[in-house]
Protein backbone atom coordinates (compact mmCIF):
# COMPACT_ATOMS: atom_id res chain seq x y z
CA MET A 1 30.49 116.72 -56.38
CA THR A 2 28.78 119.58 -57.17
CA ALA A 3 31.62 120.00 -60.24
CA LEU A 4 29.41 117.32 -61.94
CA ALA A 5 26.62 118.86 -62.37
CA ALA A 6 28.30 122.39 -63.68
CA GLY A 7 30.95 120.43 -66.20
CA GLY A 8 29.10 117.10 -66.86
CA LEU A 9 29.84 113.70 -65.18
CA ALA A 10 34.07 115.08 -65.21
CA ALA A 11 35.04 112.54 -63.17
CA SER A 12 33.83 109.47 -65.31
CA ASP A 13 36.67 108.30 -67.80
CA PRO A 14 35.12 107.88 -71.84
CA ILE A 15 37.93 105.66 -72.52
CA VAL A 16 36.60 103.15 -70.01
CA ASN A 17 32.92 104.01 -70.82
CA THR A 18 33.71 102.98 -74.23
CA THR A 19 35.99 100.04 -73.85
CA VAL A 20 32.91 98.61 -71.28
CA PHE A 21 30.46 99.79 -74.00
CA ALA A 22 32.74 98.06 -77.13
CA LEU A 23 33.15 94.74 -75.54
CA PHE A 24 29.34 93.98 -75.14
CA VAL A 25 29.06 95.63 -78.85
CA ALA A 26 31.55 92.61 -79.53
CA ILE A 27 30.29 89.66 -77.71
CA THR A 28 26.62 90.07 -78.36
CA LEU A 29 27.81 90.57 -82.11
CA TYR A 30 29.66 86.96 -82.36
CA VAL A 31 26.70 85.85 -80.00
CA VAL A 32 24.30 87.01 -83.38
CA TYR A 33 26.30 85.49 -85.64
CA ARG A 34 27.09 82.46 -84.11
CA ALA A 35 23.17 82.10 -83.38
CA GLY A 36 22.12 83.75 -86.26
CA SER A 37 21.04 80.88 -89.42
CA ARG A 38 22.07 81.54 -92.63
CA SER A 39 18.85 80.22 -94.07
CA SER A 40 16.77 82.23 -96.59
CA SER A 41 13.49 80.28 -95.59
CA THR A 42 10.97 83.45 -93.53
CA SER A 43 9.94 81.57 -90.65
CA ASP A 44 13.99 81.34 -89.59
CA TYR A 45 14.17 84.70 -90.55
CA TYR A 46 11.09 86.30 -89.58
CA ALA A 47 10.64 83.65 -85.98
CA ALA A 48 13.64 82.21 -85.24
CA SER A 49 11.42 78.94 -86.70
CA SER A 50 9.63 79.35 -83.30
CA ALA A 51 12.04 77.43 -81.66
CA PHE A 52 12.53 79.35 -78.29
CA THR A 53 10.53 78.36 -75.01
CA GLY A 54 8.72 80.79 -73.34
CA ARG A 55 11.08 81.24 -70.44
CA GLN A 56 13.19 82.12 -72.98
CA ASN A 57 10.89 84.95 -74.87
CA GLY A 58 9.74 85.87 -71.87
CA ILE A 59 13.13 87.64 -71.02
CA ALA A 60 13.85 88.76 -74.55
CA LEU A 61 10.52 90.47 -74.17
CA SER A 62 11.13 92.35 -71.16
CA GLY A 63 14.50 93.02 -73.09
CA ASP A 64 12.60 94.52 -75.83
CA PHE A 65 10.24 96.45 -74.13
CA LEU A 66 12.70 97.60 -71.59
CA SER A 67 14.65 101.12 -73.43
CA ALA A 68 16.26 103.77 -72.47
CA ALA A 69 13.43 105.99 -71.14
CA SER A 70 12.19 102.89 -68.83
CA PHE A 71 15.82 102.22 -67.44
CA LEU A 72 17.13 106.18 -67.14
CA GLY A 73 13.60 107.71 -67.68
CA ILE A 74 11.65 106.55 -64.67
CA ALA A 75 14.68 106.76 -62.14
CA GLY A 76 14.84 110.33 -62.69
CA ALA A 77 11.67 110.43 -62.60
CA ILE A 78 10.62 109.10 -59.40
CA ALA A 79 14.66 110.96 -57.62
CA VAL A 80 12.94 114.51 -58.99
CA HIS A 81 9.50 114.25 -58.69
CA GLY A 82 8.84 110.95 -56.22
CA TYR A 83 5.87 109.25 -56.31
CA ASP A 84 4.07 110.31 -59.65
CA GLY A 85 7.65 109.21 -61.31
CA PHE A 86 6.71 105.94 -60.12
CA LEU A 87 3.27 106.12 -61.89
CA TYR A 88 4.86 105.12 -65.37
CA SER A 89 5.90 101.67 -64.01
CA ILE A 90 2.28 100.85 -62.53
CA GLY A 91 0.83 101.45 -65.86
CA PHE A 92 3.66 99.20 -67.95
CA LEU A 93 2.88 96.35 -65.76
CA VAL A 94 -1.07 96.41 -66.11
CA ALA A 95 -0.33 96.29 -69.48
CA TRP A 96 1.21 93.51 -68.88
CA LEU A 97 -2.05 91.65 -67.46
CA VAL A 98 -4.28 93.79 -70.31
CA ASP A 99 -1.34 91.20 -72.73
CA LEU A 100 -2.08 88.24 -71.29
CA LEU A 101 -5.50 88.43 -71.01
CA LEU A 102 -6.53 89.21 -74.58
CA ILE A 103 -3.65 89.50 -76.84
CA ALA A 104 -0.77 86.95 -76.75
CA GLU A 105 -2.81 83.70 -76.99
CA LEU A 106 -5.16 84.53 -79.93
CA THR A 107 -2.29 86.55 -82.05
CA ARG A 108 -0.16 83.30 -81.60
CA ASN A 109 -2.77 81.10 -82.83
CA THR A 110 -4.08 83.52 -85.62
CA GLY A 111 -0.82 84.49 -87.28
CA ARG A 112 2.51 83.50 -88.84
CA PHE A 113 4.72 86.31 -88.72
CA THR A 114 3.20 89.99 -88.17
CA MET A 115 0.06 92.40 -87.33
CA GLY A 116 -0.79 91.98 -90.52
CA ASP A 117 -1.59 88.19 -90.60
CA VAL A 118 -4.18 88.37 -87.75
CA ILE A 119 -6.24 91.60 -88.66
CA SER A 120 -6.69 90.37 -92.72
CA PHE A 121 -7.37 86.73 -91.45
CA ARG A 122 -10.74 87.08 -92.98
CA MET A 123 -10.92 90.44 -94.15
CA ASN A 124 -9.94 91.14 -98.00
CA PRO A 125 -6.05 91.40 -97.30
CA ARG A 126 -4.80 93.40 -99.68
CA PRO A 127 -6.00 96.99 -98.26
CA VAL A 128 -5.49 95.17 -94.65
CA ARG A 129 -2.49 94.54 -95.20
CA ALA A 130 -1.40 97.40 -96.25
CA ALA A 131 -3.37 99.97 -93.71
CA ALA A 132 -1.36 97.67 -90.80
CA ALA A 133 2.32 98.03 -92.91
CA THR A 134 1.30 101.49 -92.43
CA SER A 135 1.07 101.44 -88.62
CA THR A 136 3.58 99.19 -88.52
CA LEU A 137 6.26 101.80 -89.96
CA VAL A 138 4.55 104.63 -88.45
CA ILE A 139 4.76 103.35 -84.69
CA SER A 140 8.64 101.78 -85.19
CA PHE A 141 10.05 104.95 -86.49
CA PHE A 142 8.72 107.48 -83.95
CA TYR A 143 9.92 104.44 -81.61
CA MET A 144 13.25 104.33 -82.81
CA LEU A 145 13.26 107.67 -83.50
CA ALA A 146 13.23 108.57 -79.84
CA GLN A 147 15.39 105.79 -79.06
CA MET A 148 18.06 107.47 -81.59
CA ALA A 149 17.65 110.71 -80.17
CA GLY A 150 18.11 109.11 -76.79
CA ALA A 151 21.76 107.78 -77.74
CA GLY A 152 23.08 111.19 -78.28
CA GLY A 153 21.42 112.47 -74.92
CA LEU A 154 23.52 109.99 -72.94
CA VAL A 155 26.48 110.56 -75.54
CA ALA A 156 26.52 113.71 -74.13
CA LEU A 157 25.71 112.78 -70.54
CA LEU A 158 28.32 109.28 -70.33
CA LEU A 159 31.14 109.97 -72.48
CA ASP A 160 31.42 113.42 -72.19
CA ILE A 161 31.55 114.34 -75.74
CA HIS A 162 29.27 117.73 -76.35
CA THR A 163 29.65 118.40 -79.72
CA ARG A 164 26.46 118.21 -82.51
CA LEU A 165 29.33 116.39 -85.00
CA GLY A 166 30.15 113.57 -82.05
CA GLN A 167 26.89 112.90 -80.69
CA ALA A 168 25.44 112.31 -84.57
CA LEU A 169 28.45 109.91 -84.82
CA ILE A 170 27.68 107.86 -82.44
CA ILE A 171 23.81 108.00 -83.74
CA GLY A 172 25.19 106.43 -86.77
CA VAL A 173 27.82 103.74 -84.83
CA VAL A 174 24.53 103.12 -82.86
CA GLY A 175 22.36 102.62 -86.31
CA LEU A 176 25.13 100.62 -87.92
CA VAL A 177 25.76 98.28 -84.76
CA MET A 178 21.73 97.54 -85.28
CA VAL A 179 21.68 96.81 -88.81
CA LEU A 180 24.33 94.50 -88.31
CA TYR A 181 22.66 92.69 -85.74
CA VAL A 182 19.30 92.29 -87.91
CA LEU A 183 21.06 91.71 -91.41
CA VAL A 184 23.33 88.88 -89.35
CA GLY A 185 21.27 87.27 -87.13
CA GLY A 186 17.54 87.52 -88.80
CA MET A 187 15.06 86.83 -85.04
CA LYS A 188 16.97 84.16 -83.74
CA GLY A 189 20.21 86.38 -83.27
CA THR A 190 18.30 89.23 -82.22
CA THR A 191 16.09 87.68 -79.69
CA TRP A 192 19.94 86.59 -78.18
CA VAL A 193 20.67 90.26 -77.99
CA GLN A 194 17.41 91.18 -76.06
CA ILE A 195 18.05 87.94 -73.71
CA ILE A 196 21.57 88.95 -73.18
CA LYS A 197 20.58 92.59 -72.49
CA ALA A 198 18.16 91.85 -70.40
CA GLY A 199 20.26 90.32 -68.06
CA VAL A 200 22.84 92.77 -67.87
CA LEU A 201 20.10 95.12 -67.65
CA MET A 202 18.39 93.34 -64.27
CA LEU A 203 21.79 92.42 -63.01
CA ALA A 204 22.87 95.74 -62.87
CA VAL A 205 19.47 97.33 -61.03
CA VAL A 206 19.48 94.23 -58.83
CA LEU A 207 22.78 95.16 -57.38
CA ILE A 208 22.64 98.87 -57.55
CA ALA A 209 19.48 98.39 -55.44
CA VAL A 210 21.16 95.87 -53.22
CA PHE A 211 23.90 98.15 -52.29
CA LEU A 212 21.15 101.45 -51.48
CA PHE A 213 19.51 98.72 -49.16
CA GLY A 214 22.54 98.21 -47.65
CA LYS A 215 23.79 101.18 -46.85
CA TYR A 216 20.40 102.26 -45.39
CA GLY A 217 20.01 98.97 -42.89
CA PHE A 218 18.11 97.45 -45.35
CA SER A 219 15.37 99.96 -44.33
CA PHE A 220 13.16 101.50 -47.04
CA SER A 221 11.36 103.77 -44.56
CA ASN A 222 15.12 105.17 -43.69
CA LEU A 223 15.87 105.14 -47.79
CA LEU A 224 13.27 107.35 -47.81
CA SER A 225 13.63 109.34 -45.07
CA ALA A 226 16.93 110.30 -46.41
CA ALA A 227 15.46 110.82 -50.25
CA THR A 228 12.46 113.04 -48.58
CA GLU A 229 15.45 114.83 -46.28
CA LYS A 230 17.38 116.48 -48.89
CA SER A 231 14.35 116.71 -52.23
CA PRO A 232 13.50 120.58 -52.51
CA LEU A 233 9.38 119.08 -52.38
CA GLY A 234 10.28 117.27 -48.57
CA GLU A 235 7.63 115.13 -47.07
CA ARG A 236 5.39 115.92 -50.68
CA LEU A 237 8.00 113.62 -52.53
CA LEU A 238 5.98 110.86 -51.34
CA GLU A 239 2.91 112.43 -52.17
CA PRO A 240 0.50 112.31 -55.31
CA GLY A 241 0.69 115.91 -57.35
CA GLY A 242 4.49 115.94 -57.38
CA SER A 243 3.81 116.26 -61.40
CA TYR A 244 0.36 115.96 -62.23
CA GLY A 245 -2.94 116.60 -60.11
CA LYS A 246 -1.83 120.62 -60.13
CA ASP A 247 -5.24 121.14 -62.28
CA GLY A 248 -8.16 119.46 -64.06
CA THR A 249 -6.29 119.82 -67.35
CA THR A 250 -2.74 117.91 -65.93
CA LYS A 251 -5.07 115.34 -64.00
CA LEU A 252 -6.82 114.56 -67.63
CA ASP A 253 -3.34 114.36 -68.88
CA PHE A 254 -2.36 112.02 -66.01
CA VAL A 255 -5.60 109.65 -67.22
CA SER A 256 -4.62 110.23 -71.30
CA LEU A 257 -1.28 109.10 -70.73
CA ALA A 258 -2.14 106.09 -68.01
CA LEU A 259 -4.77 104.69 -70.92
CA ALA A 260 -2.22 105.05 -73.55
CA LEU A 261 0.78 103.56 -71.65
CA VAL A 262 -1.73 100.66 -70.88
CA LEU A 263 -3.69 99.60 -73.73
CA GLY A 264 -0.74 100.81 -76.38
CA LEU A 265 2.17 97.79 -75.22
CA SER A 266 -0.40 95.04 -76.15
CA SER A 267 -0.20 96.91 -79.71
CA LEU A 268 2.97 97.51 -80.00
CA PRO A 269 4.22 95.66 -83.40
CA HIS A 270 7.68 94.55 -81.96
CA LEU A 271 6.46 93.03 -78.94
CA LEU A 272 3.37 91.15 -80.94
CA MET A 273 6.22 89.87 -83.00
CA ARG A 274 8.18 88.35 -80.19
CA PHE A 275 5.01 85.94 -80.03
CA TYR A 276 4.96 84.04 -83.25
CA THR A 277 9.29 82.84 -81.71
CA VAL A 278 7.35 80.22 -79.42
CA PRO A 279 6.17 76.65 -80.62
CA ASN A 280 2.61 77.40 -79.47
CA SER A 281 0.27 79.25 -77.58
CA LEU A 282 1.32 78.14 -74.08
CA GLU A 283 4.84 79.14 -74.70
CA ALA A 284 3.33 82.55 -75.58
CA ARG A 285 1.40 82.43 -72.48
CA ARG A 286 4.77 81.52 -70.40
CA SER A 287 6.02 84.19 -72.54
CA VAL A 288 3.84 87.00 -70.82
CA VAL A 289 4.39 86.05 -67.19
CA TRP A 290 8.22 85.65 -67.41
CA ALA A 291 8.31 89.70 -69.31
CA THR A 292 6.27 90.73 -65.84
CA VAL A 293 8.30 88.66 -63.37
CA CYS A 294 10.91 90.55 -64.51
CA MET A 295 8.98 93.69 -65.13
CA LEU A 296 8.30 93.08 -61.42
CA ILE A 297 12.05 92.83 -60.54
CA PHE A 298 13.36 95.75 -62.37
CA TYR A 299 10.43 98.71 -61.65
CA GLY A 300 10.71 97.41 -57.89
CA CYS A 301 14.90 98.43 -58.66
CA THR A 302 14.00 101.72 -59.90
CA LEU A 303 11.82 102.38 -57.16
CA VAL A 304 14.97 102.03 -55.08
CA ILE A 305 17.34 103.71 -57.27
CA GLY A 306 15.38 106.64 -57.50
CA PHE A 307 14.56 107.25 -54.30
CA GLY A 308 18.23 106.19 -53.86
CA ALA A 309 19.05 108.87 -56.49
CA ALA A 310 17.25 111.21 -54.71
CA ALA A 311 18.89 110.77 -51.75
CA LEU A 312 22.36 110.31 -52.27
CA VAL A 313 22.50 113.02 -55.71
CA GLY A 314 19.82 115.31 -54.89
CA ALA A 315 17.17 116.95 -57.33
CA ASP A 316 18.92 120.41 -57.87
CA GLU A 317 22.35 118.31 -58.95
CA ILE A 318 20.38 115.65 -61.28
CA LYS A 319 18.47 118.31 -62.98
CA ASN A 320 21.38 120.89 -63.85
CA ALA A 321 23.62 117.85 -65.01
CA PRO A 322 23.50 117.39 -68.91
CA GLY A 323 20.58 115.35 -69.42
CA GLY A 324 18.48 116.49 -67.07
CA GLU A 325 16.35 114.13 -65.14
CA ASN A 326 17.84 111.30 -67.33
CA SER A 327 20.93 111.83 -65.84
CA ALA A 328 20.02 110.48 -62.26
CA ALA A 329 20.90 106.44 -62.41
CA PRO A 330 24.52 107.31 -64.13
CA LEU A 331 24.92 110.08 -61.36
CA LEU A 332 24.01 107.63 -58.31
CA ALA A 333 26.13 105.02 -60.27
CA LEU A 334 29.43 107.58 -60.19
CA HIS A 335 28.66 108.39 -56.52
CA ILE A 336 28.41 104.86 -55.26
CA GLY A 337 31.03 103.63 -57.68
CA GLY A 338 33.10 105.74 -59.46
CA THR A 339 33.94 105.27 -63.20
CA LEU A 340 33.72 101.74 -63.02
CA LEU A 341 30.83 101.55 -62.50
CA LEU A 342 29.73 104.51 -64.48
CA GLY A 343 31.11 102.59 -67.52
CA VAL A 344 28.94 99.66 -66.66
CA ILE A 345 26.18 102.08 -66.80
CA ALA A 346 27.00 103.29 -69.74
CA ALA A 347 27.09 100.01 -71.60
CA VAL A 348 23.95 99.10 -69.81
CA ALA A 349 22.30 102.09 -71.47
CA PHE A 350 23.91 102.03 -74.92
CA ALA A 351 22.98 98.40 -74.88
CA THR A 352 19.39 99.16 -73.89
CA ILE A 353 19.20 100.99 -77.40
CA LEU A 354 20.69 98.84 -79.32
CA ALA A 355 18.79 95.88 -78.29
CA VAL A 356 15.12 98.22 -78.50
CA VAL A 357 16.55 99.50 -81.63
CA ALA A 358 17.51 96.50 -83.52
CA GLY A 359 13.85 94.63 -82.55
CA LEU A 360 11.94 97.48 -84.07
CA THR A 361 14.18 97.28 -87.27
CA ILE A 362 13.23 93.91 -88.05
CA THR A 363 9.65 94.35 -87.15
CA ALA A 364 9.46 97.27 -89.38
CA SER A 365 11.39 95.08 -92.33
CA ALA A 366 9.37 92.73 -91.55
CA SER A 367 6.07 93.93 -92.22
CA PHE A 368 7.02 95.51 -94.93
CA ALA A 369 8.56 92.51 -96.65
CA HIS A 370 5.75 90.02 -95.70
CA ASP A 371 2.76 92.72 -95.60
CA VAL A 372 3.64 94.73 -98.56
CA TYR A 373 5.85 93.07 -100.94
CA ALA A 374 4.99 89.28 -100.62
CA ASN A 375 1.36 89.68 -100.38
CA ILE A 376 0.82 93.01 -101.69
CA PHE A 377 2.65 92.98 -105.26
CA LYS A 378 3.21 89.33 -105.09
CA ARG A 379 -0.05 88.80 -103.80
CA GLY A 380 1.17 86.04 -102.23
CA LYS A 381 3.40 84.29 -104.54
CA ALA A 382 6.51 85.42 -103.68
CA GLU A 383 9.87 83.18 -103.31
CA PRO A 384 10.63 83.13 -99.00
CA ALA A 385 14.69 83.92 -100.82
CA ASP A 386 12.94 86.76 -102.22
CA GLU A 387 11.53 88.01 -99.25
CA VAL A 388 14.07 87.48 -97.09
CA ARG A 389 16.54 89.83 -99.39
CA VAL A 390 13.44 92.28 -99.21
CA ALA A 391 13.45 92.40 -95.85
CA ARG A 392 17.33 92.65 -94.90
CA LEU A 393 17.01 95.77 -97.83
CA THR A 394 14.79 96.83 -95.63
CA ALA A 395 16.11 96.82 -92.74
CA ILE A 396 19.32 98.94 -94.42
CA VAL A 397 16.42 102.13 -95.27
CA VAL A 398 15.21 101.34 -92.03
CA GLY A 399 17.99 101.69 -90.22
CA VAL A 400 19.61 104.73 -92.52
CA LEU A 401 15.99 106.19 -91.65
CA ALA A 402 16.40 106.37 -88.22
CA ILE A 403 20.11 107.37 -88.16
CA ALA A 404 19.13 110.81 -90.26
CA GLY A 405 15.93 111.21 -87.98
CA GLY A 406 17.96 110.53 -84.59
CA VAL A 407 20.73 113.04 -85.67
CA LEU A 408 17.67 115.82 -86.96
CA ALA A 409 15.80 114.87 -83.56
CA ASN A 410 18.88 115.01 -81.36
CA GLY A 411 18.32 117.90 -78.05
CA GLN A 412 14.25 117.57 -78.51
CA ASN A 413 11.35 115.68 -76.26
CA VAL A 414 12.36 112.13 -76.44
CA ALA A 415 9.92 111.28 -73.92
CA PHE A 416 6.95 112.54 -76.25
CA LEU A 417 8.36 110.38 -78.39
CA VAL A 418 7.80 107.73 -76.84
CA ALA A 419 3.88 108.51 -75.78
CA LEU A 420 3.52 109.22 -78.96
CA ALA A 421 4.48 105.34 -80.27
CA PHE A 422 2.12 103.62 -77.70
CA ALA A 423 -0.01 106.19 -78.02
CA VAL A 424 -0.20 105.68 -81.96
CA ALA A 425 -0.41 101.53 -80.96
CA ALA A 426 -3.04 101.59 -79.52
CA SER A 427 -5.51 104.10 -81.29
CA ALA A 428 -4.29 102.24 -84.49
CA ASN A 429 -3.99 98.85 -83.44
CA LEU A 430 -5.90 97.77 -80.61
CA SER A 431 -9.31 98.47 -81.79
CA THR A 432 -9.08 96.34 -84.66
CA LEU A 433 -7.17 93.64 -83.24
CA LEU A 434 -9.62 93.07 -80.63
CA TYR A 435 -12.69 93.58 -83.17
CA SER A 436 -11.49 90.86 -85.37
CA LEU A 437 -10.89 89.01 -82.61
CA PHE A 438 -14.05 88.85 -80.56
CA TRP A 439 -16.33 90.51 -83.12
CA LYS A 440 -17.78 88.63 -85.88
CA ARG A 441 -19.68 91.02 -87.65
CA PHE A 442 -16.33 92.94 -87.87
CA ASN A 443 -15.72 93.49 -91.96
CA THR A 444 -13.11 95.42 -93.75
CA THR A 445 -14.63 98.97 -93.60
CA GLY A 446 -14.38 98.87 -90.64
CA THR A 447 -10.84 97.48 -90.12
CA LEU A 448 -9.90 100.65 -92.00
CA TRP A 449 -11.50 103.29 -90.74
CA GLY A 450 -10.78 101.93 -87.18
CA MET A 451 -7.13 101.75 -88.09
CA TYR A 452 -6.64 104.73 -90.34
CA GLY A 453 -9.08 106.87 -87.98
CA GLY A 454 -7.09 106.11 -84.75
CA LEU A 455 -3.64 106.58 -86.52
CA ILE A 456 -4.97 110.54 -88.31
CA ALA A 457 -6.63 111.35 -84.94
CA CYS A 458 -3.52 110.43 -82.73
CA LEU A 459 -1.14 112.30 -85.09
CA LEU A 460 -3.32 115.70 -85.55
CA LEU A 461 -4.30 115.69 -82.27
CA VAL A 462 -0.45 115.44 -80.85
CA LEU A 463 0.41 118.05 -83.70
CA PHE A 464 -2.07 120.68 -82.58
CA SER A 465 -1.07 119.52 -78.53
CA PRO A 466 1.27 122.06 -75.86
CA VAL A 467 4.16 118.99 -76.74
CA VAL A 468 4.32 120.72 -80.19
CA SER A 469 3.86 124.65 -79.72
CA GLY A 470 2.55 127.12 -77.15
CA ALA A 471 4.33 125.73 -74.10
CA PRO A 472 7.28 126.69 -72.64
CA ASP A 473 8.84 123.26 -72.89
CA ALA A 474 7.02 122.35 -76.40
CA ILE A 475 9.37 121.56 -79.57
CA PHE A 476 8.67 124.76 -81.49
CA LYS A 477 9.09 127.33 -78.64
CA SER A 478 8.27 130.45 -80.65
CA LEU A 479 5.27 129.22 -82.19
CA ASP A 480 1.64 128.84 -80.89
CA PHE A 481 -1.27 127.05 -83.01
CA ALA A 482 -2.31 124.59 -80.35
CA TRP A 483 -6.09 124.09 -79.46
CA PHE A 484 -5.73 120.41 -78.19
CA PRO A 485 -5.07 120.57 -74.30
CA LEU A 486 -3.87 117.51 -73.38
CA LYS A 487 -0.21 116.46 -74.08
CA ASN A 488 -1.13 112.90 -74.75
CA PRO A 489 -3.91 112.49 -77.16
CA GLY A 490 -5.16 108.81 -75.95
CA LEU A 491 -8.01 109.94 -74.23
CA VAL A 492 -9.66 110.65 -76.95
CA SER A 493 -8.20 109.36 -79.55
CA ILE A 494 -8.26 105.67 -78.48
CA PRO A 495 -12.22 105.74 -78.09
CA PHE A 496 -12.33 107.37 -80.99
CA SER A 497 -10.65 104.37 -83.50
CA PHE A 498 -12.98 102.13 -81.33
CA LEU A 499 -16.09 104.08 -83.14
CA CYS A 500 -14.90 104.36 -86.45
CA GLY A 501 -13.58 100.51 -86.22
CA PHE A 502 -17.99 100.10 -84.94
CA VAL A 503 -18.80 102.40 -87.13
CA GLY A 504 -17.06 101.56 -90.61
CA THR A 505 -18.74 97.51 -90.14
CA LEU A 506 -22.38 98.75 -89.94
CA VAL A 507 -21.57 101.22 -92.89
CA GLY A 508 -19.46 98.11 -95.12
CA ARG A 509 -20.60 94.98 -96.57
CA PRO A 510 -21.14 92.55 -94.24
CA LYS A 511 -18.43 89.62 -94.13
CA ALA A 512 -19.65 86.73 -96.59
CA ASP A 513 -17.04 83.97 -95.71
CA ALA A 514 -19.25 83.19 -92.73
CA GLU A 515 -16.21 79.57 -92.83
CA LYS A 516 -13.44 82.19 -92.70
CA GLN A 517 -14.91 83.94 -90.10
CA ALA A 518 -15.26 80.20 -88.22
CA GLU A 519 -11.90 78.81 -88.93
CA MET A 520 -10.41 82.18 -86.95
CA GLU A 521 -12.59 81.78 -83.95
CA VAL A 522 -11.83 78.16 -83.81
CA ARG A 523 -7.78 78.77 -84.34
CA SER A 524 -7.34 81.58 -82.06
CA MET A 525 -8.78 79.88 -79.03
CA THR A 526 -7.62 76.60 -79.25
CA GLY A 527 -4.45 76.92 -81.59
CA ILE A 528 -5.90 73.84 -84.14
CA GLY A 529 -5.19 74.51 -87.60
CA GLY A 530 -2.19 77.34 -86.59
């Protein structure tokens, strides 16, 4: 098996991998076509006419959230770094509790289709919707960039294609299928893709985890012992500090990353939009509960898979394989199940990318069509058929930009792009959402200061951080213009966003429409009038 590290997954069969993936795409496209309505109503295209149950939407939420970084990245991080790798999973799980307690029900009661509906409810709608659309498009683009770039890396890893042209072609195929999902199915078809993908992903990780438990006598202690024996870290694999904690800066970096992960999830526009696919706030709460249960099972299985990869594959072979840490789960599949299981894992990985980028695409297109075109350009008087047509055209443009960006970013730091999306979401959106829902005095000035202040601060801090320059693993290794020491800006940019919203509210004119504020409070708490 050592040849795997030197020559890629040479024992795999690209034809098998491609066939399994193509079969998945064909089945899901058929489902999307059958499920997708040809209706031109905005409610059907954006929110599937709120026809999904809490259970269905919760499974779809987990499918929308679990990206390639969750499936491949966390398993690899656990295999190589041990304890510190699992900290990502803890952050994601806690984030769903924040979503359940503070965001899900109130957002469902207050909005109709997008996040802009919520924060513009009692504000001057045109500038606030413009800010919301800007934030949504920036977050969606960076998140999609990570997924599309990840597609290129997975090609080299799973299909044994190493040329830039070959990887670019695969990125183009992924983007094309993504746009087809959105154009043909709208939110209804995209939701069924998320549900199918979540089911396949959960089945794959559970079966692999059960196999690993069986191999070690259904004893987690035996599995951990085998992992520590093969890992260069030894017993330190099970202790904190394998990746973070080396000095004060890395400790702060972890706190900053954890803050972004925990608070960013509840502010991601493509997840917020999913709450409008259920009929009421009760089903919205059930959605989060079901999503949390799915996450708990998934991350519990990735813990087993990560330590199983450390025990059976070894950290050295993982780090030397194409894709580095991301190769842990595929290498483990090849070790225990051969080419066929690797083909299944390849299909699951690509399905993960397809489902996530489809959800991001429909969110970005809905935000532009609903917030910008219908409510800014047309001042709320757009015809539903015209709005849906603009959304579909926007989906095509977003798909082309995502393909181009994925080709350019192929080989770059994908984990940085994902973390940036979470940090931007928490910095730009969370303060305005919470202030809008819970602070009566909050006004339009505070909204704009909070959103733009957090967004600009986050992007500037990342630009001048070691992630971009001044570090061995920076994007621009030959340059050094970094002055911000942390790789994730959340520790600074998130509180700065709250401060900007607070100060902007004090210096801006008080909101005069007390009736609108009272209506929003009653609607958010009770759902009456929604």
